[in-house]
Amino acid sequence: KRRLEYRNQVQRLDTLLKVSRVLGLDSQQLQKLEAVANANP
């Protein structure tokens, strides 16, 4: 279960970083969107 959650978390962060590259997000925006991503995995 821990391994599965870790894989899902890494996948969410990877997706978030891809979105960040496309939109050109700064670090504060990235933190805000990380909370959004964690709310709806």
PDB file of all heavy atoms in Angstrom:
ATOM      1  N   LYS A   1       0.825  -1.209   0.000  1.00  0.00           N
ATOM      2  CA  LYS A   1       0.000   0.000   0.000  1.00  0.00           C
ATOM      3  C   LYS A   1       0.858   1.258   0.000  1.00  0.00           C
ATOM      4  O   LYS A   1       0.582   2.219  -0.710  1.00  0.00           O
ATOM      5  CB  LYS A   1      -0.936   0.012   1.207  1.00  0.00           C
ATOM      6  CG  LYS A   1      -2.067  -0.972   1.109  1.00  0.00           C
ATOM      7  CD  LYS A   1      -2.922  -0.950   2.359  1.00  0.00           C
ATOM      8  CE  LYS A   1      -3.977  -2.028   2.315  1.00  0.00           C
ATOM      9  NZ  LYS A   1      -4.769  -2.072   3.547  1.00  0.00           N
ATOM     10  N   ARG A   2       1.928   1.244   0.810  1.00  0.00           N
ATOM     11  CA  ARG A   2       2.845   2.401   0.847  1.00  0.00           C
ATOM     12  C   ARG A   2       3.518   2.609  -0.494  1.00  0.00           C
ATOM     13  O   ARG A   2       3.664   3.736  -0.964  1.00  0.00           O
ATOM     14  CB  ARG A   2       3.908   2.199   1.931  1.00  0.00           C
ATOM     15  CG  ARG A   2       3.461   2.560   3.309  1.00  0.00           C
ATOM     16  CD  ARG A   2       4.666   2.682   4.240  1.00  0.00           C
ATOM     17  NE  ARG A   2       5.633   1.622   3.977  1.00  0.00           N
ATOM     18  CZ  ARG A   2       5.937   0.647   4.817  1.00  0.00           C
ATOM     19  NH1 ARG A   2       5.364   0.599   5.990  1.00  0.00           N
ATOM     20  NH2 ARG A   2       6.820  -0.271   4.517  1.00  0.00           N
ATOM     21  N   ARG A   3       3.947   1.525  -1.120  1.00  0.00           N
ATOM     22  CA  ARG A   3       4.589   1.625  -2.429  1.00  0.00           C
ATOM     23  C   ARG A   3       3.633   2.170  -3.481  1.00  0.00           C
ATOM     24  O   ARG A   3       4.007   2.990  -4.306  1.00  0.00           O
ATOM     25  CB  ARG A   3       5.131   0.268  -2.877  1.00  0.00           C
ATOM     26  CG  ARG A   3       6.344  -0.189  -2.122  1.00  0.00           C
ATOM     27  CD  ARG A   3       6.693  -1.621  -2.522  1.00  0.00           C
ATOM     28  NE  ARG A   3       7.720  -2.158  -1.676  1.00  0.00           N
ATOM     29  CZ  ARG A   3       8.984  -2.314  -2.046  1.00  0.00           C
ATOM     30  NH1 ARG A   3       9.351  -1.978  -3.265  1.00  0.00           N
ATOM     31  NH2 ARG A   3       9.864  -2.814  -1.219  1.00  0.00           N
ATOM     32  N   LEU A   4       2.385   1.717  -3.450  1.00  0.00           N
ATOM     33  CA  LEU A   4       1.389   2.196  -4.404  1.00  0.00           C
ATOM     34  C   LEU A   4       1.124   3.682  -4.208  1.00  0.00           C
ATOM     35  O   LEU A   4       1.075   4.450  -5.177  1.00  0.00           O
ATOM     36  CB  LEU A   4       0.089   1.404  -4.255  1.00  0.00           C
ATOM     37  CG  LEU A   4      -1.063   1.826  -5.166  1.00  0.00           C
ATOM     38  CD1 LEU A   4      -0.691   1.619  -6.632  1.00  0.00           C
ATOM     39  CD2 LEU A   4      -2.318   1.061  -4.810  1.00  0.00           C
ATOM     40  N   GLU A   5       0.981   4.116  -2.964  1.00  0.00           N
ATOM     41  CA  GLU A   5       0.761   5.536  -2.689  1.00  0.00           C
ATOM     42  C   GLU A   5       1.960   6.363  -3.128  1.00  0.00           C
ATOM     43  O   GLU A   5       1.807   7.455  -3.680  1.00  0.00           O
ATOM     44  CB  GLU A   5       0.471   5.765  -1.212  1.00  0.00           C
ATOM     45  CG  GLU A   5       0.281   7.226  -0.849  1.00  0.00           C
ATOM     46  CD  GLU A   5      -0.765   7.951  -1.681  1.00  0.00           C
ATOM     47  OE1 GLU A   5      -1.798   7.353  -2.027  1.00  0.00           O
ATOM     48  OE2 GLU A   5      -0.535   9.135  -1.990  1.00  0.00           O
ATOM     49  N   TYR A   6       3.150   5.840  -2.904  1.00  0.00           N
ATOM     50  CA  TYR A   6       4.361   6.552  -3.326  1.00  0.00           C
ATOM     51  C   TYR A   6       4.394   6.696  -4.850  1.00  0.00           C
ATOM     52  O   TYR A   6       4.690   7.764  -5.367  1.00  0.00           O
ATOM     53  CB  TYR A   6       5.609   5.817  -2.828  1.00  0.00           C
ATOM     54  CG  TYR A   6       6.890   6.469  -3.260  1.00  0.00           C
ATOM     55  CD1 TYR A   6       7.331   7.634  -2.645  1.00  0.00           C
ATOM     56  CD2 TYR A   6       7.651   5.933  -4.289  1.00  0.00           C
ATOM     57  CE1 TYR A   6       8.503   8.253  -3.045  1.00  0.00           C
ATOM     58  CE2 TYR A   6       8.822   6.544  -4.694  1.00  0.00           C
ATOM     59  CZ  TYR A   6       9.239   7.697  -4.076  1.00  0.00           C
ATOM     60  OH  TYR A   6      10.394   8.305  -4.490  1.00  0.00           O
ATOM     61  N   ARG A   7       4.083   5.617  -5.567  1.00  0.00           N
ATOM     62  CA  ARG A   7       4.047   5.684  -7.043  1.00  0.00           C
ATOM     63  C   ARG A   7       3.015   6.697  -7.513  1.00  0.00           C
ATOM     64  O   ARG A   7       3.265   7.469  -8.437  1.00  0.00           O
ATOM     65  CB  ARG A   7       3.747   4.303  -7.631  1.00  0.00           C
ATOM     66  CG  ARG A   7       4.939   3.399  -7.721  1.00  0.00           C
ATOM     67  CD  ARG A   7       4.653   2.191  -8.604  1.00  0.00           C
ATOM     68  NE  ARG A   7       3.558   1.375  -8.111  1.00  0.00           N
ATOM     69  CZ  ARG A   7       3.698   0.346  -7.274  1.00  0.00           C
ATOM     70  NH1 ARG A   7       4.897   0.012  -6.842  1.00  0.00           N
ATOM     71  NH2 ARG A   7       2.656  -0.340  -6.875  1.00  0.00           N
ATOM     72  N   ASN A   8       1.849   6.711  -6.889  1.00  0.00           N
ATOM     73  CA  ASN A   8       0.809   7.677  -7.261  1.00  0.00           C
ATOM     74  C   ASN A   8       1.256   9.104  -6.980  1.00  0.00           C
ATOM     75  O   ASN A   8       0.997  10.016  -7.772  1.00  0.00           O
ATOM     76  CB  ASN A   8      -0.492   7.374  -6.515  1.00  0.00           C
ATOM     77  CG  ASN A   8      -1.133   6.092  -6.988  1.00  0.00           C
ATOM     78  OD1 ASN A   8      -0.855   5.610  -8.083  1.00  0.00           O
ATOM     79  ND2 ASN A   8      -1.985   5.521  -6.159  1.00  0.00           N
ATOM     80  N   GLN A   9       1.931   9.311  -5.858  1.00  0.00           N
ATOM     81  CA  GLN A   9       2.420  10.644  -5.511  1.00  0.00           C
ATOM     82  C   GLN A   9       3.473  11.103  -6.516  1.00  0.00           C
ATOM     83  O   GLN A   9       3.449  12.257  -6.965  1.00  0.00           O
ATOM     84  CB  GLN A   9       3.001  10.630  -4.107  1.00  0.00           C
ATOM     85  CG  GLN A   9       3.476  11.984  -3.625  1.00  0.00           C
ATOM     86  CD  GLN A   9       4.048  11.919  -2.218  1.00  0.00           C
ATOM     87  OE1 GLN A   9       4.268  10.832  -1.678  1.00  0.00           O
ATOM     88  NE2 GLN A   9       4.290  13.062  -1.645  1.00  0.00           N
ATOM     89  N   VAL A  10       4.374  10.232  -6.890  1.00  0.00           N
ATOM     90  CA  VAL A  10       5.396  10.577  -7.879  1.00  0.00           C
ATOM     91  C   VAL A  10       4.751  10.897  -9.220  1.00  0.00           C
ATOM     92  O   VAL A  10       5.136  11.854  -9.895  1.00  0.00           O
ATOM     93  CB  VAL A  10       6.434   9.433  -8.011  1.00  0.00           C
ATOM     94  CG1 VAL A  10       7.328   9.638  -9.220  1.00  0.00           C
ATOM     95  CG2 VAL A  10       7.254   9.329  -6.743  1.00  0.00           C
ATOM     96  N   GLN A  11       3.741  10.127  -9.586  1.00  0.00           N
ATOM     97  CA  GLN A  11       3.036  10.370 -10.845  1.00  0.00           C
ATOM     98  C   GLN A  11       2.332  11.725 -10.825  1.00  0.00           C
ATOM     99  O   GLN A  11       2.380  12.476 -11.805  1.00  0.00           O
ATOM    100  CB  GLN A  11       2.029   9.243 -11.084  1.00  0.00           C
ATOM    101  CG  GLN A  11       1.360   9.290 -12.437  1.00  0.00           C
ATOM    102  CD  GLN A  11       0.437   8.102 -12.628  1.00  0.00           C
ATOM    103  OE1 GLN A  11      -0.144   7.587 -11.672  1.00  0.00           O
ATOM    104  NE2 GLN A  11       0.304   7.662 -13.862  1.00  0.00           N
ATOM    105  N   ARG A  12       1.698  12.076  -9.710  1.00  0.00           N
ATOM    106  CA  ARG A  12       1.042  13.386  -9.590  1.00  0.00           C
ATOM    107  C   ARG A  12       2.057  14.514  -9.693  1.00  0.00           C
ATOM    108  O   ARG A  12       1.834  15.514 -10.382  1.00  0.00           O
ATOM    109  CB  ARG A  12       0.317  13.503  -8.245  1.00  0.00           C
ATOM    110  CG  ARG A  12      -1.096  13.053  -8.257  1.00  0.00           C
ATOM    111  CD  ARG A  12      -1.849  13.482  -7.001  1.00  0.00           C
ATOM    112  NE  ARG A  12      -1.165  13.258  -5.749  1.00  0.00           N
ATOM    113  CZ  ARG A  12      -1.184  12.122  -5.055  1.00  0.00           C
ATOM    114  NH1 ARG A  12      -1.838  11.089  -5.513  1.00  0.00           N
ATOM    115  NH2 ARG A  12      -0.551  12.026  -3.905  1.00  0.00           N
ATOM    116  N   LEU A  13       3.184  14.376  -9.000  1.00  0.00           N
ATOM    117  CA  LEU A  13       4.214  15.415  -9.050  1.00  0.00           C
ATOM    118  C   LEU A  13       4.805  15.556 -10.444  1.00  0.00           C
ATOM    119  O   LEU A  13       5.073  16.670 -10.905  1.00  0.00           O
ATOM    120  CB  LEU A  13       5.313  15.123  -8.030  1.00  0.00           C
ATOM    121  CG  LEU A  13       4.917  15.318  -6.574  1.00  0.00           C
ATOM    122  CD1 LEU A  13       6.042  14.859  -5.658  1.00  0.00           C
ATOM    123  CD2 LEU A  13       4.550  16.765  -6.296  1.00  0.00           C
ATOM    124  N   ASP A  14       4.991  14.441 -11.130  1.00  0.00           N
ATOM    125  CA  ASP A  14       5.500  14.484 -12.499  1.00  0.00           C
ATOM    126  C   ASP A  14       4.519  15.219 -13.408  1.00  0.00           C
ATOM    127  O   ASP A  14       4.913  16.073 -14.210  1.00  0.00           O
ATOM    128  CB  ASP A  14       5.747  13.067 -13.014  1.00  0.00           C
ATOM    129  CG  ASP A  14       6.331  13.050 -14.406  1.00  0.00           C
ATOM    130  OD1 ASP A  14       7.352  13.736 -14.635  1.00  0.00           O
ATOM    131  OD2 ASP A  14       5.767  12.347 -15.271  1.00  0.00           O
ATOM    132  N   THR A  15       3.248  14.909 -13.266  1.00  0.00           N
ATOM    133  CA  THR A  15       2.221  15.592 -14.055  1.00  0.00           C
ATOM    134  C   THR A  15       2.183  17.069 -13.716  1.00  0.00           C
ATOM    135  O   THR A  15       2.082  17.922 -14.611  1.00  0.00           O
ATOM    136  CB  THR A  15       0.840  14.947 -13.801  1.00  0.00           C
ATOM    137  OG1 THR A  15       0.909  13.570 -14.131  1.00  0.00           O
ATOM    138  CG2 THR A  15      -0.234  15.624 -14.620  1.00  0.00           C
ATOM    139  N   LEU A  16       2.291  17.392 -12.452  1.00  0.00           N
ATOM    140  CA  LEU A  16       2.291  18.788 -12.014  1.00  0.00           C
ATOM    141  C   LEU A  16       3.476  19.546 -12.606  1.00  0.00           C
ATOM    142  O   LEU A  16       3.338  20.691 -13.045  1.00  0.00           O
ATOM    143  CB  LEU A  16       2.310  18.849 -10.495  1.00  0.00           C
ATOM    144  CG  LEU A  16       2.123  20.200  -9.844  1.00  0.00           C
ATOM    145  CD1 LEU A  16       0.784  20.810 -10.241  1.00  0.00           C
ATOM    146  CD2 LEU A  16       2.207  20.067  -8.342  1.00  0.00           C
ATOM    147  N   LEU A  17       4.631  18.920 -12.646  1.00  0.00           N
ATOM    148  CA  LEU A  17       5.803  19.568 -13.235  1.00  0.00           C
ATOM    149  C   LEU A  17       5.651  19.762 -14.739  1.00  0.00           C
ATOM    150  O   LEU A  17       6.097  20.764 -15.297  1.00  0.00           O
ATOM    151  CB  LEU A  17       7.066  18.767 -12.918  1.00  0.00           C
ATOM    152  CG  LEU A  17       7.508  18.817 -11.461  1.00  0.00           C
ATOM    153  CD1 LEU A  17       8.703  17.900 -11.239  1.00  0.00           C
ATOM    154  CD2 LEU A  17       7.842  20.238 -11.044  1.00  0.00           C
ATOM    155  N   LYS A  18       4.997  18.819 -15.403  1.00  0.00           N
ATOM    156  CA  LYS A  18       4.731  18.984 -16.843  1.00  0.00           C
ATOM    157  C   LYS A  18       3.796  20.160 -17.075  1.00  0.00           C
ATOM    158  O   LYS A  18       4.018  20.964 -17.982  1.00  0.00           O
ATOM    159  CB  LYS A  18       4.128  17.703 -17.427  1.00  0.00           C
ATOM    160  CG  LYS A  18       5.130  16.577 -17.544  1.00  0.00           C
ATOM    161  CD  LYS A  18       4.458  15.314 -18.065  1.00  0.00           C
ATOM    162  CE  LYS A  18       5.437  14.155 -18.100  1.00  0.00           C
ATOM    163  NZ  LYS A  18       4.795  12.903 -18.525  1.00  0.00           N
ATOM    164  N   VAL A  19       2.750  20.268 -16.265  1.00  0.00           N
ATOM    165  CA  VAL A  19       1.832  21.409 -16.362  1.00  0.00           C
ATOM    166  C   VAL A  19       2.596  22.707 -16.105  1.00  0.00           C
ATOM    167  O   VAL A  19       2.403  23.705 -16.802  1.00  0.00           O
ATOM    168  CB  VAL A  19       0.651  21.254 -15.371  1.00  0.00           C
ATOM    169  CG1 VAL A  19      -0.131  22.538 -15.225  1.00  0.00           C
ATOM    170  CG2 VAL A  19      -0.265  20.125 -15.805  1.00  0.00           C
ATOM    171  N   SER A  20       3.472  22.666 -15.124  1.00  0.00           N
ATOM    172  CA  SER A  20       4.263  23.840 -14.783  1.00  0.00           C
ATOM    173  C   SER A  20       5.133  24.287 -15.959  1.00  0.00           C
ATOM    174  O   SER A  20       5.252  25.479 -16.232  1.00  0.00           O
ATOM    175  CB  SER A  20       5.137  23.538 -13.567  1.00  0.00           C
ATOM    176  OG  SER A  20       5.982  24.625 -13.291  1.00  0.00           O
ATOM    177  N   ARG A  21       5.739  23.332 -16.653  1.00  0.00           N
ATOM    178  CA  ARG A  21       6.574  23.678 -17.809  1.00  0.00           C
ATOM    179  C   ARG A  21       5.745  24.278 -18.940  1.00  0.00           C
ATOM    180  O   ARG A  21       6.162  25.221 -19.591  1.00  0.00           O
ATOM    181  CB  ARG A  21       7.335  22.458 -18.305  1.00  0.00           C
ATOM    182  CG  ARG A  21       8.565  22.143 -17.490  1.00  0.00           C
ATOM    183  CD  ARG A  21       9.444  21.149 -18.208  1.00  0.00           C
ATOM    184  NE  ARG A  21       8.787  19.888 -18.482  1.00  0.00           N
ATOM    185  CZ  ARG A  21       8.878  18.816 -17.715  1.00  0.00           C
ATOM    186  NH1 ARG A  21       9.586  18.850 -16.628  1.00  0.00           N
ATOM    187  NH2 ARG A  21       8.248  17.711 -18.040  1.00  0.00           N
ATOM    188  N   VAL A  22       4.567  23.703 -19.166  1.00  0.00           N
ATOM    189  CA  VAL A  22       3.715  24.192 -20.259  1.00  0.00           C
ATOM    190  C   VAL A  22       3.223  25.607 -19.971  1.00  0.00           C
ATOM    191  O   VAL A  22       3.234  26.475 -20.838  1.00  0.00           O
ATOM    192  CB  VAL A  22       2.524  23.238 -20.502  1.00  0.00           C
ATOM    193  CG1 VAL A  22       1.532  23.832 -21.480  1.00  0.00           C
ATOM    194  CG2 VAL A  22       3.018  21.890 -21.010  1.00  0.00           C
ATOM    195  N   LEU A  23       2.800  25.844 -18.726  1.00  0.00           N
ATOM    196  CA  LEU A  23       2.226  27.143 -18.378  1.00  0.00           C
ATOM    197  C   LEU A  23       3.257  28.154 -17.884  1.00  0.00           C
ATOM    198  O   LEU A  23       2.960  29.341 -17.801  1.00  0.00           O
ATOM    199  CB  LEU A  23       1.139  26.973 -17.306  1.00  0.00           C
ATOM    200  CG  LEU A  23      -0.128  26.254 -17.738  1.00  0.00           C
ATOM    201  CD1 LEU A  23      -1.074  26.088 -16.549  1.00  0.00           C
ATOM    202  CD2 LEU A  23      -0.813  26.991 -18.869  1.00  0.00           C
ATOM    203  N   GLY A  24       4.442  27.697 -17.522  1.00  0.00           N
ATOM    204  CA  GLY A  24       5.457  28.601 -17.000  1.00  0.00           C
ATOM    205  C   GLY A  24       5.123  29.080 -15.592  1.00  0.00           C
ATOM    206  O   GLY A  24       5.188  30.273 -15.303  1.00  0.00           O
ATOM    207  N   LEU A  25       4.793  28.156 -14.709  1.00  0.00           N
ATOM    208  CA  LEU A  25       4.409  28.508 -13.343  1.00  0.00           C
ATOM    209  C   LEU A  25       5.626  28.875 -12.507  1.00  0.00           C
ATOM    210  O   LEU A  25       6.712  28.323 -12.697  1.00  0.00           O
ATOM    211  CB  LEU A  25       3.694  27.330 -12.673  1.00  0.00           C
ATOM    212  CG  LEU A  25       2.427  26.810 -13.336  1.00  0.00           C
ATOM    213  CD1 LEU A  25       1.900  25.604 -12.568  1.00  0.00           C
ATOM    214  CD2 LEU A  25       1.375  27.885 -13.419  1.00  0.00           C
ATOM    215  N   ASP A  26       5.433  29.787 -11.557  1.00  0.00           N
ATOM    216  CA  ASP A  26       6.495  30.068 -10.595  1.00  0.00           C
ATOM    217  C   ASP A  26       6.310  29.147  -9.386  1.00  0.00           C
ATOM    218  O   ASP A  26       5.356  28.371  -9.316  1.00  0.00           O
ATOM    219  CB  ASP A  26       6.536  31.546 -10.206  1.00  0.00           C
ATOM    220  CG  ASP A  26       5.274  32.024  -9.495  1.00  0.00           C
ATOM    221  OD1 ASP A  26       4.578  31.192  -8.872  1.00  0.00           O
ATOM    222  OD2 ASP A  26       4.985  33.232  -9.555  1.00  0.00           O
ATOM    223  N   SER A  27       7.210  29.225  -8.423  1.00  0.00           N
ATOM    224  CA  SER A  27       7.191  28.281  -7.301  1.00  0.00           C
ATOM    225  C   SER A  27       5.938  28.432  -6.434  1.00  0.00           C
ATOM    226  O   SER A  27       5.398  27.440  -5.934  1.00  0.00           O
ATOM    227  CB  SER A  27       8.446  28.438  -6.447  1.00  0.00           C
ATOM    228  OG  SER A  27       8.518  29.734  -5.914  1.00  0.00           O
ATOM    229  N   GLN A  28       5.454  29.659  -6.243  1.00  0.00           N
ATOM    230  CA  GLN A  28       4.248  29.847  -5.433  1.00  0.00           C
ATOM    231  C   GLN A  28       3.019  29.257  -6.133  1.00  0.00           C
ATOM    232  O   GLN A  28       2.179  28.619  -5.492  1.00  0.00           O
ATOM    233  CB  GLN A  28       4.031  31.328  -5.146  1.00  0.00           C
ATOM    234  CG  GLN A  28       5.066  31.910  -4.211  1.00  0.00           C
ATOM    235  CD  GLN A  28       4.881  33.403  -4.003  1.00  0.00           C
ATOM    236  OE1 GLN A  28       4.216  34.070  -4.789  1.00  0.00           O
ATOM    237  NE2 GLN A  28       5.485  33.928  -2.936  1.00  0.00           N
ATOM    238  N   GLN A  29       2.924  29.467  -7.437  1.00  0.00           N
ATOM    239  CA  GLN A  29       1.808  28.887  -8.178  1.00  0.00           C
ATOM    240  C   GLN A  29       1.882  27.367  -8.149  1.00  0.00           C
ATOM    241  O   GLN A  29       0.863  26.689  -8.024  1.00  0.00           O
ATOM    242  CB  GLN A  29       1.831  29.378  -9.630  1.00  0.00           C
ATOM    243  CG  GLN A  29       1.505  30.836  -9.795  1.00  0.00           C
ATOM    244  CD  GLN A  29       1.746  31.289 -11.225  1.00  0.00           C
ATOM    245  OE1 GLN A  29       2.770  30.978 -11.818  1.00  0.00           O
ATOM    246  NE2 GLN A  29       0.788  32.023 -11.765  1.00  0.00           N
ATOM    247  N   LEU A  30       3.090  26.845  -8.248  1.00  0.00           N
ATOM    248  CA  LEU A  30       3.282  25.395  -8.219  1.00  0.00           C
ATOM    249  C   LEU A  30       2.820  24.815  -6.884  1.00  0.00           C
ATOM    250  O   LEU A  30       2.155  23.773  -6.852  1.00  0.00           O
ATOM    251  CB  LEU A  30       4.752  25.065  -8.472  1.00  0.00           C
ATOM    252  CG  LEU A  30       5.110  23.612  -8.709  1.00  0.00           C
ATOM    253  CD1 LEU A  30       4.394  23.074  -9.935  1.00  0.00           C
ATOM    254  CD2 LEU A  30       6.609  23.463  -8.875  1.00  0.00           C
ATOM    255  N   GLN A  31       3.123  25.499  -5.791  1.00  0.00           N
ATOM    256  CA  GLN A  31       2.681  25.033  -4.468  1.00  0.00           C
ATOM    257  C   GLN A  31       1.162  25.050  -4.360  1.00  0.00           C
ATOM    258  O   GLN A  31       0.558  24.129  -3.807  1.00  0.00           O
ATOM    259  CB  GLN A  31       3.296  25.883  -3.370  1.00  0.00           C
ATOM    260  CG  GLN A  31       4.764  25.629  -3.143  1.00  0.00           C
ATOM    261  CD  GLN A  31       5.345  26.536  -2.078  1.00  0.00           C
ATOM    262  OE1 GLN A  31       4.742  27.544  -1.709  1.00  0.00           O
ATOM    263  NE2 GLN A  31       6.525  26.187  -1.584  1.00  0.00           N
ATOM    264  N   LYS A  32       0.534  26.100  -4.875  1.00  0.00           N
ATOM    265  CA  LYS A  32      -0.927  26.172  -4.821  1.00  0.00           C
ATOM    266  C   LYS A  32      -1.559  25.049  -5.636  1.00  0.00           C
ATOM    267  O   LYS A  32      -2.530  24.417  -5.205  1.00  0.00           O
ATOM    268  CB  LYS A  32      -1.404  27.529  -5.339  1.00  0.00           C
ATOM    269  CG  LYS A  32      -1.107  28.684  -4.417  1.00  0.00           C
ATOM    270  CD  LYS A  32      -1.592  29.988  -5.016  1.00  0.00           C
ATOM    271  CE  LYS A  32      -1.267  31.182  -4.143  1.00  0.00           C
ATOM    272  NZ  LYS A  32      -1.705  32.443  -4.746  1.00  0.00           N
ATOM    273  N   LEU A  33      -1.010  24.810  -6.825  1.00  0.00           N
ATOM    274  CA  LEU A  33      -1.581  23.758  -7.664  1.00  0.00           C
ATOM    275  C   LEU A  33      -1.266  22.368  -7.118  1.00  0.00           C
ATOM    276  O   LEU A  33      -2.010  21.425  -7.381  1.00  0.00           O
ATOM    277  CB  LEU A  33      -1.093  23.889  -9.104  1.00  0.00           C
ATOM    278  CG  LEU A  33      -1.766  24.996  -9.897  1.00  0.00           C
ATOM    279  CD1 LEU A  33      -1.242  25.029 -11.319  1.00  0.00           C
ATOM    280  CD2 LEU A  33      -3.276  24.842  -9.912  1.00  0.00           C
ATOM    281  N   GLU A  34      -0.188  22.247  -6.369  1.00  0.00           N
ATOM    282  CA  GLU A  34       0.105  20.954  -5.740  1.00  0.00           C
ATOM    283  C   GLU A  34      -0.996  20.601  -4.745  1.00  0.00           C
ATOM    284  O   GLU A  34      -1.414  19.449  -4.654  1.00  0.00           O
ATOM    285  CB  GLU A  34       1.462  20.992  -5.054  1.00  0.00           C
ATOM    286  CG  GLU A  34       1.883  19.648  -4.492  1.00  0.00           C
ATOM    287  CD  GLU A  34       3.277  19.665  -3.907  1.00  0.00           C
ATOM    288  OE1 GLU A  34       3.949  20.711  -3.936  1.00  0.00           O
ATOM    289  OE2 GLU A  34       3.686  18.616  -3.397  1.00  0.00           O
ATOM    290  N   ALA A  35      -1.491  21.590  -4.021  1.00  0.00           N
ATOM    291  CA  ALA A  35      -2.597  21.346  -3.091  1.00  0.00           C
ATOM    292  C   ALA A  35      -3.850  20.918  -3.851  1.00  0.00           C
ATOM    293  O   ALA A  35      -4.587  20.027  -3.408  1.00  0.00           O
ATOM    294  CB  ALA A  35      -2.870  22.596  -2.265  1.00  0.00           C
ATOM    295  N   VAL A  36      -4.094  21.534  -5.006  1.00  0.00           N
ATOM    296  CA  VAL A  36      -5.235  21.157  -5.845  1.00  0.00           C
ATOM    297  C   VAL A  36      -5.065  19.724  -6.339  1.00  0.00           C
ATOM    298  O   VAL A  36      -6.007  18.929  -6.329  1.00  0.00           O
ATOM    299  CB  VAL A  36      -5.385  22.135  -7.033  1.00  0.00           C
ATOM    300  CG1 VAL A  36      -6.429  21.649  -8.021  1.00  0.00           C
ATOM    301  CG2 VAL A  36      -5.729  23.529  -6.532  1.00  0.00           C
ATOM    302  N   ALA A  37      -3.858  19.382  -6.772  1.00  0.00           N
ATOM    303  CA  ALA A  37      -3.591  18.031  -7.273  1.00  0.00           C
ATOM    304  C   ALA A  37      -3.757  16.984  -6.171  1.00  0.00           C
ATOM    305  O   ALA A  37      -4.289  15.902  -6.416  1.00  0.00           O
ATOM    306  CB  ALA A  37      -2.186  17.958  -7.857  1.00  0.00           C
ATOM    307  N   ASN A  38      -3.316  17.310  -4.971  1.00  0.00           N
ATOM    308  CA  ASN A  38      -3.443  16.363  -3.867  1.00  0.00           C
ATOM    309  C   ASN A  38      -4.891  16.209  -3.412  1.00  0.00           C
ATOM    310  O   ASN A  38      -5.262  15.182  -2.866  1.00  0.00           O
ATOM    311  CB  ASN A  38      -2.565  16.784  -2.692  1.00  0.00           C
ATOM    312  CG  ASN A  38      -1.097  16.612  -2.999  1.00  0.00           C
ATOM    313  OD1 ASN A  38      -0.720  15.781  -3.824  1.00  0.00           O
ATOM    314  ND2 ASN A  38      -0.256  17.395  -2.356  1.00  0.00           N
ATOM    315  N   ALA A  39      -5.713  17.220  -3.649  1.00  0.00           N
ATOM    316  CA  ALA A  39      -7.130  17.147  -3.279  1.00  0.00           C
ATOM    317  C   ALA A  39      -7.906  16.236  -4.230  1.00  0.00           C
ATOM    318  O   ALA A  39      -8.934  15.680  -3.848  1.00  0.00           O
ATOM    319  CB  ALA A  39      -7.741  18.538  -3.269  1.00  0.00           C
ATOM    320  N   ASN A  40      -7.426  16.090  -5.459  1.00  0.00           N
ATOM    321  CA  ASN A  40      -8.101  15.246  -6.440  1.00  0.00           C
ATOM    322  C   ASN A  40      -7.073  14.390  -7.172  1.00  0.00           C
ATOM    323  O   ASN A  40      -6.801  14.620  -8.345  1.00  0.00           O
ATOM    324  CB  ASN A  40      -8.884  16.126  -7.432  1.00  0.00           C
ATOM    325  CG  ASN A  40      -9.666  15.300  -8.420  1.00  0.00           C
ATOM    326  OD1 ASN A  40      -9.844  14.105  -8.240  1.00  0.00           O
ATOM    327  ND2 ASN A  40     -10.105  15.927  -9.487  1.00  0.00           N
ATOM    328  N   PRO A  41      -6.506  13.381  -6.507  1.00  0.00           N
ATOM    329  CA  PRO A  41      -5.433  12.592  -7.110  1.00  0.00           C
ATOM    330  C   PRO A  41      -5.786  11.915  -8.435  1.00  0.00           C
ATOM    331  O   PRO A  41      -4.968  11.920  -9.351  1.00  0.00           O
ATOM    332  CB  PRO A  41      -5.089  11.559  -6.046  1.00  0.00           C
ATOM    333  CG  PRO A  41      -5.576  12.129  -4.775  1.00  0.00           C
ATOM    334  CD  PRO A  41      -6.750  12.994  -5.130  1.00  0.00           C
TER     335      PRO A  41
END
